[in-house]
């Protein structure tokens, strides 16, 4: 058997070697790239549907709107201004969160916090704060409850006989005047009951 050999030029040898090396390099690069790819996450279990609560396990409460709170505060402020008094008016929701405060021109610095506390006290007990002052005679430790202020000037706002907010006024020379102005705020938003 006769063997024929061909002689390749140096240029052909270099080209063939480069092709073989390139193919090997691309194969290695493809393997490395595939290994570096993040693995697909296993399919997540379908989300469970929210549980439906049993009947009569929740409650709904009424809340005073911001617009209504503003009307009440403005009416209380106008009543105070007509009598030349410089006051702060606060309206809080049933939970004691402040809906708004309105500090009149020249109102004393203590009036801001006092108005909020009077409003909170009135709604917490669903009673005007002037009536609550009388309770202190029999239970003086009531005054130790945080965030309360047992001075006239706070009135509750009720809906279906349940408190939904409180209006507090502070800064006039007496709790009687403060409460008169708070009542003016309540009258501006109530239906006469």
N, C-alpha and C. Protein backbone atom coordinates (compact mmCIF):
# COMPACT_ATOMS: atom_id res chain seq x y z
N UNK A 1 0.81 -1.15 0.00
CA UNK A 1 0.00 0.00 0.00
C UNK A 1 0.87 1.23 0.00
N UNK A 2 0.52 1.98 -0.85
CA UNK A 2 1.33 3.17 -1.03
C UNK A 2 0.73 4.31 -0.23
N UNK A 3 1.55 4.93 0.42
CA UNK A 3 1.11 6.03 1.25
C UNK A 3 1.41 7.34 0.55
N UNK A 4 0.41 8.10 0.51
CA UNK A 4 0.64 9.41 -0.06
C UNK A 4 0.55 10.45 1.05
N UNK A 5 1.44 11.21 1.05
CA UNK A 5 1.44 12.30 2.02
C UNK A 5 1.39 13.60 1.29
N UNK A 6 0.75 14.42 1.85
CA UNK A 6 0.68 15.75 1.28
C UNK A 6 1.43 16.68 2.19
N UNK A 7 1.99 17.59 1.63
CA UNK A 7 2.68 18.60 2.41
C UNK A 7 1.80 19.84 2.46
N UNK A 8 1.58 20.27 3.66
CA UNK A 8 0.80 21.50 3.83
C UNK A 8 1.75 22.66 4.03
N UNK A 9 1.32 23.73 3.55
CA UNK A 9 2.15 24.92 3.72
C UNK A 9 2.07 25.37 5.17
N UNK A 10 3.01 26.13 5.57
CA UNK A 10 3.03 26.65 6.94
C UNK A 10 1.79 27.49 7.19
N UNK A 11 1.40 28.19 6.19
CA UNK A 11 0.21 29.02 6.33
C UNK A 11 -1.01 28.14 6.56
N UNK A 12 -1.18 27.09 5.90
CA UNK A 12 -2.31 26.19 6.05
C UNK A 12 -2.27 25.53 7.42
N UNK A 13 -1.08 25.16 7.90
CA UNK A 13 -0.95 24.55 9.21
C UNK A 13 -1.39 25.52 10.31
N UNK A 14 -0.98 26.76 10.15
CA UNK A 14 -1.35 27.77 11.16
C UNK A 14 -2.86 27.99 11.14
N UNK A 15 -3.45 28.08 9.97
CA UNK A 15 -4.89 28.30 9.85
C UNK A 15 -5.65 27.12 10.44
N UNK A 16 -5.19 25.90 10.16
CA UNK A 16 -5.88 24.71 10.69
C UNK A 16 -5.76 24.65 12.20
N UNK A 17 -4.58 24.95 12.73
CA UNK A 17 -4.37 24.95 14.18
C UNK A 17 -5.23 26.00 14.86
N UNK A 18 -5.33 27.16 14.26
CA UNK A 18 -6.13 28.23 14.83
C UNK A 18 -7.61 27.84 14.86
N UNK A 19 -8.06 27.17 13.83
CA UNK A 19 -9.45 26.74 13.77
C UNK A 19 -9.75 25.72 14.85
N UNK A 20 -8.84 24.77 15.04
CA UNK A 20 -9.02 23.74 16.07
C UNK A 20 -9.02 24.39 17.45
N UNK A 21 -8.09 25.29 17.68
CA UNK A 21 -8.02 25.97 18.98
C UNK A 21 -9.26 26.84 19.23
N UNK A 22 -9.72 27.52 18.22
CA UNK A 22 -10.90 28.36 18.36
C UNK A 22 -12.13 27.52 18.69
N UNK A 23 -12.26 26.39 18.02
CA UNK A 23 -13.40 25.51 18.28
C UNK A 23 -13.34 24.98 19.71
N UNK A 24 -12.15 24.61 20.16
CA UNK A 24 -12.00 24.10 21.52
C UNK A 24 -12.29 25.20 22.53
N UNK A 25 -11.82 26.40 22.24
CA UNK A 25 -12.06 27.54 23.15
C UNK A 25 -13.53 27.89 23.24
N UNK A 26 -14.22 27.89 22.11
CA UNK A 26 -15.65 28.19 22.13
C UNK A 26 -16.43 27.13 22.90
N UNK A 27 -16.00 25.90 22.75
CA UNK A 27 -16.66 24.83 23.50
C UNK A 27 -16.48 25.03 25.00
N UNK A 28 -15.26 25.37 25.42
CA UNK A 28 -14.99 25.59 26.84
C UNK A 28 -15.74 26.82 27.34
N UNK A 29 -15.77 27.85 26.50
CA UNK A 29 -16.46 29.07 26.88
C UNK A 29 -17.97 28.81 27.03
N UNK A 30 -18.54 28.05 26.13
CA UNK A 30 -19.95 27.71 26.21
C UNK A 30 -20.26 26.91 27.46
N UNK A 31 -19.37 25.99 27.81
CA UNK A 31 -19.56 25.20 29.02
C UNK A 31 -19.50 26.09 30.26
N UNK A 32 -18.54 27.00 30.28
CA UNK A 32 -18.39 27.91 31.43
C UNK A 32 -19.60 28.84 31.52
N UNK A 33 -20.06 29.33 30.37
CA UNK A 33 -21.21 30.22 30.38
C UNK A 33 -22.47 29.49 30.87
N UNK A 34 -22.62 28.28 30.45
CA UNK A 34 -23.79 27.50 30.89
C UNK A 34 -23.74 27.24 32.38
N UNK A 35 -22.53 26.99 32.89
CA UNK A 35 -22.41 26.74 34.32
C UNK A 35 -22.69 28.00 35.13
N UNK A 36 -22.38 29.17 34.53
CA UNK A 36 -22.57 30.43 35.24
C UNK A 36 -24.02 30.90 35.24
N UNK A 37 -24.83 30.37 34.38
CA UNK A 37 -26.24 30.78 34.32
C UNK A 37 -26.96 30.35 35.59
N UNK A 38 -27.79 31.22 36.14
CA UNK A 38 -28.54 30.82 37.33
C UNK A 38 -29.52 29.71 36.96
N UNK A 39 -29.65 28.83 37.88
CA UNK A 39 -30.57 27.73 37.66
C UNK A 39 -32.00 28.24 37.82
N UNK A 40 -32.87 27.73 37.05
CA UNK A 40 -34.27 28.14 37.14
C UNK A 40 -34.80 27.75 38.51
N UNK A 41 -35.46 28.71 39.13
CA UNK A 41 -36.03 28.45 40.45
C UNK A 41 -37.16 27.44 40.31
N UNK A 42 -37.30 26.61 41.30
CA UNK A 42 -38.42 25.68 41.23
C UNK A 42 -39.73 26.45 41.23
N UNK A 43 -40.68 25.95 40.56
CA UNK A 43 -41.97 26.63 40.46
C UNK A 43 -42.54 26.86 41.87
N UNK A 44 -42.96 28.11 42.11
CA UNK A 44 -43.52 28.44 43.43
C UNK A 44 -44.90 27.82 43.57
N UNK A 45 -45.18 27.47 44.78
CA UNK A 45 -46.50 26.91 45.05
C UNK A 45 -47.53 28.01 44.86
N UNK A 46 -48.67 27.71 44.34
CA UNK A 46 -49.68 28.75 44.16
C UNK A 46 -50.03 29.38 45.50
N UNK A 47 -50.21 30.72 45.48
CA UNK A 47 -50.54 31.44 46.71
C UNK A 47 -51.90 30.97 47.24
N UNK A 48 -51.94 30.84 48.52
CA UNK A 48 -53.20 30.42 49.14
C UNK A 48 -54.18 31.57 49.09
N UNK A 49 -55.40 31.29 48.88
CA UNK A 49 -56.43 32.31 48.86
C UNK A 49 -56.59 32.86 50.27
N UNK A 50 -56.84 34.19 50.39
CA UNK A 50 -57.03 34.76 51.72
C UNK A 50 -58.17 34.05 52.44
N UNK A 51 -57.95 33.82 53.71
CA UNK A 51 -58.99 33.15 54.50
C UNK A 51 -60.16 34.10 54.70
N UNK A 52 -61.33 33.60 54.59
CA UNK A 52 -62.52 34.39 54.83
C UNK A 52 -62.90 34.20 56.30
N UNK A 53 -63.08 35.31 57.00
CA UNK A 53 -63.39 35.23 58.42
C UNK A 53 -64.82 34.76 58.64
N UNK A 54 -65.01 34.21 59.80
CA UNK A 54 -66.34 33.78 60.18
C UNK A 54 -67.24 35.00 60.36
N UNK A 55 -68.51 34.79 60.29
CA UNK A 55 -69.46 35.89 60.46
C UNK A 55 -69.33 36.49 61.85
N UNK A 56 -69.55 37.78 61.92
CA UNK A 56 -69.54 38.55 63.17
C UNK A 56 -68.18 38.55 63.89
N UNK A 57 -67.11 38.55 63.11
CA UNK A 57 -65.77 38.64 63.73
C UNK A 57 -65.11 39.97 63.45
N UNK A 58 -65.78 40.87 62.74
CA UNK A 58 -65.23 42.20 62.47
C UNK A 58 -66.27 43.24 62.82
N UNK A 59 -65.82 44.47 62.87
CA UNK A 59 -66.72 45.58 63.15
C UNK A 59 -66.37 46.74 62.24
N UNK A 60 -67.32 47.58 61.98
CA UNK A 60 -67.11 48.76 61.15
C UNK A 60 -67.40 49.98 62.02
N UNK A 61 -66.56 50.98 61.90
CA UNK A 61 -66.77 52.20 62.69
C UNK A 61 -66.92 53.40 61.77
N UNK A 62 -67.63 54.40 62.26
CA UNK A 62 -67.81 55.64 61.52
C UNK A 62 -66.66 56.59 61.87
N UNK A 63 -66.27 57.39 60.91
CA UNK A 63 -65.20 58.37 61.12
C UNK A 63 -65.65 59.72 60.58
N UNK A 64 -65.23 60.76 61.25
CA UNK A 64 -65.52 62.11 60.81
C UNK A 64 -64.63 62.42 59.61
N UNK A 65 -65.19 63.02 58.58
CA UNK A 65 -64.37 63.38 57.43
C UNK A 65 -63.53 64.61 57.76
N UNK A 66 -62.46 64.78 57.02
CA UNK A 66 -61.58 65.94 57.23
C UNK A 66 -62.34 67.23 56.94
N UNK A 67 -63.21 67.22 55.95
CA UNK A 67 -64.00 68.40 55.61
C UNK A 67 -64.93 68.77 56.77
N UNK A 68 -65.56 67.77 57.36
CA UNK A 68 -66.47 68.03 58.49
C UNK A 68 -65.69 68.53 59.70
N UNK A 69 -64.54 67.94 59.96
CA UNK A 69 -63.69 68.40 61.07
C UNK A 69 -63.28 69.85 60.87
N UNK A 70 -62.97 70.20 59.64
CA UNK A 70 -62.57 71.58 59.33
C UNK A 70 -63.72 72.55 59.56
N UNK A 71 -64.92 72.16 59.13
CA UNK A 71 -66.09 73.03 59.35
C UNK A 71 -66.35 73.25 60.83
N UNK A 72 -66.22 72.19 61.62
CA UNK A 72 -66.42 72.31 63.08
C UNK A 72 -65.38 73.23 63.69
N UNK A 73 -64.13 73.05 63.31
CA UNK A 73 -63.05 73.88 63.87
C UNK A 73 -63.23 75.35 63.48
N UNK A 74 -63.61 75.58 62.24
CA UNK A 74 -63.81 76.96 61.79
C UNK A 74 -64.96 77.63 62.54
N UNK A 75 -66.03 76.88 62.77
CA UNK A 75 -67.18 77.44 63.51
C UNK A 75 -66.79 77.76 64.95
N UNK A 76 -66.03 76.88 65.58
CA UNK A 76 -65.57 77.14 66.96
C UNK A 76 -64.65 78.36 67.00
N UNK A 77 -63.77 78.46 66.02
CA UNK A 77 -62.84 79.60 65.96
C UNK A 77 -63.60 80.91 65.75
N UNK A 78 -64.59 80.91 64.85
CA UNK A 78 -65.40 82.12 64.63
C UNK A 78 -66.12 82.54 65.90
N UNK A 79 -66.67 81.59 66.63
CA UNK A 79 -67.38 81.91 67.88
C UNK A 79 -66.43 82.56 68.88
N UNK A 80 -65.21 82.05 68.96
CA UNK A 80 -64.22 82.63 69.88
C UNK A 80 -63.82 84.04 69.43
N UNK A 81 -63.62 84.21 68.14
CA UNK A 81 -63.20 85.51 67.63
C UNK A 81 -64.27 86.58 67.83
N UNK A 82 -65.54 86.18 67.73
CA UNK A 82 -66.64 87.13 67.97
C UNK A 82 -66.58 87.70 69.38
N UNK A 83 -66.06 86.89 70.30
CA UNK A 83 -65.97 87.35 71.69
C UNK A 83 -64.56 87.84 72.04
N UNK A 84 -63.73 88.01 71.04
CA UNK A 84 -62.39 88.54 71.26
C UNK A 84 -61.44 87.57 71.95
N UNK A 85 -61.69 86.28 71.85
CA UNK A 85 -60.84 85.29 72.52
C UNK A 85 -59.85 84.66 71.52
N UNK A 86 -58.66 84.43 72.01
CA UNK A 86 -57.60 83.81 71.20
C UNK A 86 -57.44 82.36 71.66
N UNK A 87 -57.87 81.45 70.83
CA UNK A 87 -57.89 80.05 71.22
C UNK A 87 -57.27 79.15 70.16
N UNK A 88 -57.08 77.91 70.56
CA UNK A 88 -56.71 76.84 69.64
C UNK A 88 -57.86 75.84 69.66
N UNK A 89 -58.19 75.33 68.47
CA UNK A 89 -59.25 74.32 68.34
C UNK A 89 -58.60 73.04 67.80
N UNK A 90 -58.96 71.91 68.39
CA UNK A 90 -58.47 70.62 67.91
C UNK A 90 -59.65 69.68 67.70
N UNK A 91 -59.52 68.86 66.68
CA UNK A 91 -60.51 67.81 66.43
C UNK A 91 -59.74 66.50 66.33
N UNK A 92 -60.16 65.52 67.14
CA UNK A 92 -59.50 64.21 67.12
C UNK A 92 -60.52 63.14 66.72
N UNK A 93 -60.02 62.03 66.20
CA UNK A 93 -60.94 60.93 65.86
C UNK A 93 -61.19 60.06 67.08
N UNK A 94 -61.97 59.01 66.91
CA UNK A 94 -62.37 58.14 68.01
C UNK A 94 -61.18 57.51 68.73
N UNK A 95 -60.10 57.32 68.00
CA UNK A 95 -58.91 56.70 68.59
C UNK A 95 -57.96 57.72 69.20
N UNK A 96 -58.33 58.97 69.19
CA UNK A 96 -57.49 60.00 69.77
C UNK A 96 -56.47 60.58 68.81
N UNK A 97 -56.51 60.16 67.55
CA UNK A 97 -55.59 60.70 66.55
C UNK A 97 -56.08 62.08 66.11
N UNK A 98 -55.19 63.01 66.05
CA UNK A 98 -55.56 64.37 65.68
C UNK A 98 -55.93 64.44 64.20
N UNK A 99 -57.12 64.92 63.93
CA UNK A 99 -57.54 65.15 62.54
C UNK A 99 -57.01 66.51 62.10
N UNK A 100 -57.20 67.51 62.97
CA UNK A 100 -56.64 68.84 62.67
C UNK A 100 -56.58 69.69 63.93
N UNK A 101 -55.71 70.68 63.87
CA UNK A 101 -55.67 71.71 64.91
C UNK A 101 -55.66 73.05 64.19
N UNK A 102 -56.27 74.02 64.82
CA UNK A 102 -56.32 75.36 64.26
C UNK A 102 -55.97 76.32 65.39
N UNK A 103 -54.80 76.91 65.29
CA UNK A 103 -54.33 77.83 66.33
C UNK A 103 -54.64 79.25 65.89
N UNK A 104 -55.46 79.92 66.68
CA UNK A 104 -55.83 81.29 66.35
C UNK A 104 -54.68 82.25 66.60
N UNK A 105 -54.73 83.38 65.94
CA UNK A 105 -53.71 84.42 66.13
C UNK A 105 -53.65 84.82 67.59
N UNK A 106 -52.48 84.77 68.16
CA UNK A 106 -52.28 85.19 69.54
C UNK A 106 -52.65 84.17 70.59
N UNK A 107 -53.04 82.97 70.18
CA UNK A 107 -53.38 81.94 71.18
C UNK A 107 -52.12 81.55 71.95
N UNK A 108 -52.28 81.30 73.23
CA UNK A 108 -51.14 80.96 74.08
C UNK A 108 -50.51 79.63 73.69
N UNK A 109 -49.23 79.46 74.01
CA UNK A 109 -48.53 78.24 73.62
C UNK A 109 -49.09 76.98 74.28
N UNK A 110 -49.66 77.12 75.47
CA UNK A 110 -50.23 75.96 76.18
C UNK A 110 -51.53 75.50 75.55
N UNK A 111 -52.17 76.37 74.77
CA UNK A 111 -53.49 76.05 74.24
C UNK A 111 -53.47 74.93 73.21
N UNK A 112 -52.38 74.77 72.50
CA UNK A 112 -52.31 73.74 71.45
C UNK A 112 -52.48 72.34 72.05
N UNK A 113 -51.62 72.00 72.99
CA UNK A 113 -51.69 70.67 73.60
C UNK A 113 -52.96 70.51 74.44
N UNK A 114 -53.38 71.57 75.11
CA UNK A 114 -54.59 71.49 75.92
C UNK A 114 -55.82 71.20 75.08
N UNK A 115 -55.93 71.82 73.91
CA UNK A 115 -57.08 71.59 73.04
C UNK A 115 -57.13 70.14 72.58
N UNK A 116 -55.99 69.57 72.23
CA UNK A 116 -55.94 68.17 71.80
C UNK A 116 -56.35 67.25 72.94
N UNK A 117 -55.84 67.50 74.15
CA UNK A 117 -56.18 66.65 75.29
C UNK A 117 -57.65 66.76 75.67
N UNK A 118 -58.22 67.95 75.58
CA UNK A 118 -59.64 68.11 75.89
C UNK A 118 -60.48 67.34 74.86
N UNK A 119 -60.12 67.44 73.59
CA UNK A 119 -60.86 66.71 72.55
C UNK A 119 -60.76 65.21 72.78
N UNK A 120 -59.57 64.73 73.10
CA UNK A 120 -59.37 63.29 73.34
C UNK A 120 -60.17 62.83 74.55
N UNK A 121 -60.14 63.60 75.61
CA UNK A 121 -60.87 63.24 76.84
C UNK A 121 -62.37 63.17 76.56
N UNK A 122 -62.89 64.14 75.83
CA UNK A 122 -64.33 64.16 75.53
C UNK A 122 -64.75 62.94 74.72
N UNK A 123 -63.95 62.56 73.74
CA UNK A 123 -64.34 61.41 72.92
C UNK A 123 -64.10 60.09 73.65
N UNK A 124 -63.06 60.02 74.47
CA UNK A 124 -62.79 58.79 75.20
C UNK A 124 -63.91 58.45 76.17
N UNK A 125 -64.50 59.46 76.79
CA UNK A 125 -65.58 59.23 77.76
C UNK A 125 -66.96 59.55 77.19
N UNK A 126 -67.00 59.99 75.94
CA UNK A 126 -68.25 60.36 75.29
C UNK A 126 -69.07 61.30 76.16
N UNK A 127 -68.37 62.31 76.65
CA UNK A 127 -69.01 63.27 77.55
C UNK A 127 -68.28 64.61 77.46
N UNK A 128 -69.00 65.71 77.60
CA UNK A 128 -68.31 67.00 77.67
C UNK A 128 -67.34 67.00 78.86
N UNK A 129 -66.22 67.62 78.69
CA UNK A 129 -65.19 67.59 79.75
C UNK A 129 -65.65 68.35 80.99
N UNK A 130 -66.58 69.30 80.85
CA UNK A 130 -67.06 70.01 82.04
C UNK A 130 -67.78 69.04 82.98
N UNK A 131 -68.47 68.06 82.44
CA UNK A 131 -69.14 67.05 83.28
C UNK A 131 -68.12 66.11 83.92
N UNK A 132 -67.08 65.85 83.20
CA UNK A 132 -66.06 64.94 83.72
C UNK A 132 -65.30 65.54 84.90
N UNK A 133 -65.22 66.87 84.95
CA UNK A 133 -64.56 67.53 86.07
C UNK A 133 -65.24 67.14 87.37
N UNK A 134 -66.56 66.99 87.33
CA UNK A 134 -67.32 66.60 88.52
C UNK A 134 -66.94 65.19 89.00
N UNK A 135 -66.59 64.32 88.07
CA UNK A 135 -66.21 62.95 88.45
C UNK A 135 -64.92 62.90 89.26
N UNK A 136 -64.07 63.90 89.06
CA UNK A 136 -62.79 63.92 89.78
C UNK A 136 -62.98 64.00 91.29
N UNK A 137 -64.11 64.54 91.72
CA UNK A 137 -64.35 64.64 93.16
C UNK A 137 -64.43 63.25 93.79
N UNK A 138 -65.05 62.31 93.07
CA UNK A 138 -65.19 60.94 93.58
C UNK A 138 -64.03 60.03 93.17
N UNK A 139 -63.37 60.37 92.07
CA UNK A 139 -62.28 59.52 91.56
C UNK A 139 -61.12 60.40 91.09
N UNK A 140 -60.37 60.98 92.02
CA UNK A 140 -59.31 61.91 91.64
C UNK A 140 -58.20 61.29 90.80
N UNK A 141 -58.05 59.98 90.84
CA UNK A 141 -56.99 59.35 90.05
C UNK A 141 -57.30 59.32 88.55
N UNK A 142 -58.52 59.66 88.16
CA UNK A 142 -58.82 59.77 86.72
C UNK A 142 -57.87 60.76 86.05
N UNK A 143 -57.48 61.77 86.78
CA UNK A 143 -56.58 62.78 86.22
C UNK A 143 -55.20 62.22 85.90
N UNK A 144 -54.90 61.04 86.40
CA UNK A 144 -53.59 60.41 86.13
C UNK A 144 -53.55 59.67 84.81
N UNK A 145 -54.68 59.52 84.16
CA UNK A 145 -54.72 58.79 82.88
C UNK A 145 -53.99 59.63 81.82
N UNK A 146 -53.04 59.03 81.12
CA UNK A 146 -52.27 59.79 80.11
C UNK A 146 -53.15 60.42 79.04
N UNK A 147 -52.75 61.57 78.58
CA UNK A 147 -53.37 62.32 77.48
C UNK A 147 -54.74 62.91 77.83
N UNK A 148 -55.14 62.87 79.07
CA UNK A 148 -56.44 63.44 79.44
C UNK A 148 -56.25 64.83 80.04
N UNK A 149 -57.31 65.60 79.96
CA UNK A 149 -57.33 66.91 80.60
C UNK A 149 -58.77 67.17 81.03
N UNK A 150 -58.97 67.17 82.34
CA UNK A 150 -60.30 67.34 82.90
C UNK A 150 -60.55 68.81 83.21
N UNK A 151 -60.72 69.58 82.15
CA UNK A 151 -61.10 70.99 82.22
C UNK A 151 -62.19 71.22 81.18
N UNK A 152 -63.08 72.13 81.43
CA UNK A 152 -64.10 72.43 80.44
C UNK A 152 -63.48 72.86 79.12
N UNK A 153 -64.14 72.48 78.03
CA UNK A 153 -63.65 72.89 76.70
C UNK A 153 -63.63 71.78 75.68
N UNK A 154 -64.02 70.56 76.09
CA UNK A 154 -64.05 69.45 75.15
C UNK A 154 -65.45 68.89 75.02
N UNK A 155 -65.89 68.60 73.79
CA UNK A 155 -67.19 67.99 73.56
C UNK A 155 -67.04 66.81 72.61
N UNK A 156 -67.80 65.74 72.85
CA UNK A 156 -67.73 64.60 71.93
C UNK A 156 -68.62 64.83 70.70
N UNK A 157 -68.24 64.18 69.62
CA UNK A 157 -69.05 64.16 68.41
C UNK A 157 -69.53 62.72 68.28
N UNK A 158 -70.85 62.52 68.25
CA UNK A 158 -71.40 61.16 68.22
C UNK A 158 -72.13 60.89 66.92
N UNK A 159 -72.14 59.63 66.55
CA UNK A 159 -72.91 59.16 65.41
C UNK A 159 -73.60 57.88 65.86
N UNK A 160 -74.92 57.85 65.78
CA UNK A 160 -75.69 56.71 66.30
C UNK A 160 -75.35 56.43 67.77
N UNK A 161 -75.26 57.49 68.53
CA UNK A 161 -74.98 57.44 69.97
C UNK A 161 -73.60 56.91 70.34
N UNK A 162 -72.71 56.75 69.38
CA UNK A 162 -71.34 56.31 69.67
C UNK A 162 -70.38 57.44 69.32
N UNK A 163 -69.38 57.69 70.16
CA UNK A 163 -68.44 58.77 69.86
C UNK A 163 -67.59 58.44 68.63
N UNK A 164 -67.47 59.41 67.74
CA UNK A 164 -66.63 59.24 66.55
C UNK A 164 -65.51 60.27 66.50
N UNK A 165 -65.62 61.30 67.34
CA UNK A 165 -64.61 62.36 67.34
C UNK A 165 -64.80 63.21 68.59
N UNK A 166 -63.89 64.13 68.78
CA UNK A 166 -63.99 65.09 69.87
C UNK A 166 -63.49 66.44 69.40
N UNK A 167 -64.11 67.49 69.91
CA UNK A 167 -63.69 68.86 69.60
C UNK A 167 -63.19 69.46 70.90
N UNK A 168 -61.99 70.00 70.88
CA UNK A 168 -61.42 70.63 72.07
C UNK A 168 -61.03 72.06 71.78
N UNK A 169 -61.32 72.93 72.71
CA UNK A 169 -60.95 74.35 72.59
C UNK A 169 -60.21 74.73 73.85
N UNK A 170 -59.12 75.47 73.69
CA UNK A 170 -58.34 75.93 74.84
C UNK A 170 -57.77 77.32 74.56
N UNK A 171 -57.65 78.09 75.61
CA UNK A 171 -57.03 79.41 75.49
C UNK A 171 -57.86 80.55 76.03
N UNK A 172 -59.17 80.35 76.16
CA UNK A 172 -60.02 81.40 76.73
C UNK A 172 -59.77 81.44 78.24
N UNK A 173 -60.17 82.51 78.91
CA UNK A 173 -59.91 82.61 80.34
C UNK A 173 -60.61 81.58 81.21
N UNK A 174 -61.60 80.86 80.67
CA UNK A 174 -62.28 79.85 81.48
C UNK A 174 -62.67 78.66 80.62
N UNK A 175 -62.79 77.51 81.28
CA UNK A 175 -63.25 76.31 80.60
C UNK A 175 -64.68 76.45 80.11
N UNK A 176 -65.46 77.28 80.80
CA UNK A 176 -66.84 77.50 80.38
C UNK A 176 -66.89 78.15 79.00
N UNK A 177 -66.02 79.16 78.79
CA UNK A 177 -65.96 79.80 77.47
C UNK A 177 -65.43 78.82 76.42
N UNK A 178 -64.36 78.10 76.77
CA UNK A 178 -63.80 77.13 75.82
C UNK A 178 -64.87 76.14 75.37
N UNK A 179 -65.66 75.65 76.32
CA UNK A 179 -66.69 74.68 75.98
C UNK A 179 -67.81 75.31 75.15
N UNK A 180 -68.11 76.56 75.42
CA UNK A 180 -69.12 77.27 74.62
C UNK A 180 -68.69 77.30 73.15
N UNK A 181 -67.40 77.55 72.92
CA UNK A 181 -66.89 77.61 71.55
C UNK A 181 -66.85 76.23 70.91
N UNK A 182 -66.51 75.22 71.70
CA UNK A 182 -66.52 73.84 71.19
C UNK A 182 -67.94 73.43 70.81
N UNK A 183 -68.91 73.84 71.63
CA UNK A 183 -70.32 73.54 71.31
C UNK A 183 -70.74 74.22 70.00
N UNK A 184 -70.22 75.41 69.75
CA UNK A 184 -70.53 76.11 68.48
C UNK A 184 -69.98 75.29 67.31
N UNK A 185 -68.82 74.70 67.49
CA UNK A 185 -68.27 73.83 66.44
C UNK A 185 -69.13 72.60 66.22
N UNK A 186 -69.59 72.01 67.31
CA UNK A 186 -70.46 70.84 67.21
C UNK A 186 -71.79 71.20 66.53
N UNK A 187 -72.34 72.35 66.88
CA UNK A 187 -73.62 72.77 66.31
C UNK A 187 -73.51 72.95 64.79
N UNK A 188 -72.34 73.33 64.31
CA UNK A 188 -72.16 73.56 62.88
C UNK A 188 -72.21 72.27 62.07
N UNK A 189 -71.99 71.14 62.73
CA UNK A 189 -71.97 69.87 61.98
C UNK A 189 -73.04 68.88 62.42
N UNK A 190 -73.80 69.22 63.47
CA UNK A 190 -74.79 68.26 63.98
C UNK A 190 -76.13 68.47 63.31
N UNK A 191 -76.99 67.50 63.48
CA UNK A 191 -78.32 67.59 62.91
C UNK A 191 -79.37 67.97 63.96
N UNK A 192 -78.91 68.64 65.01
CA UNK A 192 -79.84 69.14 66.02
C UNK A 192 -80.12 68.22 67.17
N UNK A 193 -79.48 67.04 67.19
CA UNK A 193 -79.71 66.12 68.31
C UNK A 193 -78.67 66.31 69.38
